[in-house]
Amino acid sequence: GVVLKAVNRATLGKGVVVYLQADPEKVVARLMAELKPEQRPALTGLSLEDEVRRTVAERDPYYMSCAHMIAPEAPLEVLAERISRELEDWTA
C-alpha cells in the first residue's frame, strides 16, 4: 500500500521505480499455487479474485505515475534482460 500515499510516491521518485505489471488472474493463480488459504488471510470480505482485481485497479494509476520503467509481464529471463538494459541506459 506504500504507493497509495503521495509522500511515499515522491520518495519513490528519488530512486528508480520499475513497475512489474501483471494480469490480475495470473496474480491470483500464483497466490493459489504458492500459499495455503490460512497463510494468506483475506484483507476484505471479497473473494481473492475480486480483491486482487480491485487492488490492481486501484493502484495501477499510482504505479504508472511514479514508475521510471514499466515492464509488462514476460518470462523472468526476458524481464531481467529488459530491466538490466534499460537501467544501463538510464544510468549512462
Protein backbone atom coordinates (compact mmCIF):
# COMPACT_ATOMS: atom_id res chain seq x y z
CA GLY A 1 0.00 0.00 0.00
CA VAL A 2 3.04 2.30 0.00
CA VAL A 3 2.19 3.69 -3.42
CA LEU A 4 -1.20 4.97 -2.22
CA LYS A 5 0.29 7.95 -0.35
CA ALA A 6 1.63 10.93 -2.30
CA VAL A 7 4.53 11.43 0.10
CA ASN A 8 5.63 7.85 -0.49
CA ARG A 9 5.38 8.23 -4.27
CA ALA A 10 7.56 11.35 -4.01
CA THR A 11 10.14 9.37 -2.06
CA LEU A 12 9.99 6.53 -4.56
CA GLY A 13 10.66 9.07 -7.30
CA LYS A 14 14.08 9.77 -5.81
CA GLY A 15 15.16 6.27 -6.80
CA VAL A 16 14.41 4.02 -9.74
CA VAL A 17 10.92 2.53 -9.78
CA VAL A 18 10.26 -0.44 -12.02
CA TYR A 19 6.59 -1.34 -12.26
CA LEU A 20 6.25 -5.04 -12.94
CA GLN A 21 2.79 -5.24 -14.44
CA ALA A 22 0.89 -8.49 -14.02
CA ASP A 23 -2.50 -9.68 -15.12
CA PRO A 24 -4.76 -9.98 -12.04
CA GLU A 25 -5.82 -13.52 -12.99
CA LYS A 26 -2.18 -14.60 -13.12
CA VAL A 27 -1.53 -12.99 -9.73
CA VAL A 28 -4.41 -14.99 -8.28
CA ALA A 29 -3.14 -18.21 -9.89
CA ARG A 30 0.33 -17.62 -8.40
CA LEU A 31 -1.08 -16.94 -4.97
CA MET A 32 -3.25 -20.04 -5.10
CA ALA A 33 -0.32 -22.20 -6.22
CA GLU A 34 2.12 -20.88 -3.62
CA LEU A 35 0.05 -20.38 -0.50
CA LYS A 36 -2.35 -22.30 1.62
CA PRO A 37 -5.52 -20.32 2.45
CA GLU A 38 -4.50 -19.97 6.09
CA GLN A 39 -1.18 -18.42 5.05
CA ARG A 40 -2.91 -15.50 3.35
CA PRO A 41 -5.84 -14.21 5.32
CA ALA A 42 -8.35 -12.12 3.40
CA LEU A 43 -7.89 -8.38 3.74
CA THR A 44 -11.52 -7.73 2.87
CA GLY A 45 -14.76 -9.66 2.62
CA LEU A 46 -14.18 -10.07 -1.11
CA SER A 47 -13.08 -13.26 -2.83
CA LEU A 48 -9.37 -13.47 -3.56
CA GLU A 49 -10.04 -12.85 -7.26
CA ASP A 50 -12.14 -9.75 -6.60
CA GLU A 51 -9.69 -8.45 -4.00
CA VAL A 52 -6.76 -8.75 -6.41
CA ARG A 53 -8.71 -7.14 -9.28
CA ARG A 54 -9.78 -4.25 -7.06
CA THR A 55 -6.28 -3.74 -5.66
CA VAL A 56 -4.68 -3.75 -9.12
CA ALA A 57 -7.30 -1.35 -10.50
CA GLU A 58 -6.87 0.99 -7.52
CA ARG A 59 -3.07 1.01 -7.52
CA ASP A 60 -2.24 0.83 -11.23
CA PRO A 61 -2.58 4.60 -11.85
CA TYR A 62 -0.28 5.32 -8.89
CA TYR A 63 2.37 2.89 -10.06
CA MET A 64 2.10 4.28 -13.59
CA SER A 65 2.57 7.83 -12.28
CA CYS A 66 5.78 7.14 -10.37
CA ALA A 67 7.40 4.40 -12.46
CA HIS A 68 10.57 5.21 -14.35
CA MET A 69 10.17 1.95 -16.21
CA ILE A 70 7.11 -0.18 -16.90
CA ALA A 71 7.76 -3.86 -17.52
CA PRO A 72 4.78 -5.77 -18.88
CA GLU A 73 4.52 -9.41 -17.85
CA ALA A 74 7.07 -11.62 -19.58
CA PRO A 75 9.22 -14.64 -18.76
CA LEU A 76 11.67 -13.94 -15.94
CA GLU A 77 14.74 -14.07 -18.18
CA VAL A 78 13.21 -11.61 -20.63
CA LEU A 79 12.23 -9.23 -17.82
CA ALA A 80 15.67 -9.38 -16.24
CA GLU A 81 17.39 -8.63 -19.54
CA ARG A 82 14.99 -5.80 -20.41
CA ILE A 83 15.31 -4.16 -16.99
CA SER A 84 19.09 -4.57 -16.94
CA ARG A 85 19.42 -2.99 -20.39
CA GLU A 86 17.12 -0.08 -19.53
CA LEU A 87 18.91 0.55 -16.23
CA GLU A 88 22.24 0.66 -18.06
CA ASP A 89 20.80 3.21 -20.50
CA TRP A 90 19.24 5.19 -17.65
CA THR A 91 22.45 5.40 -15.61
CA ALA A 92 24.76 6.08 -18.57
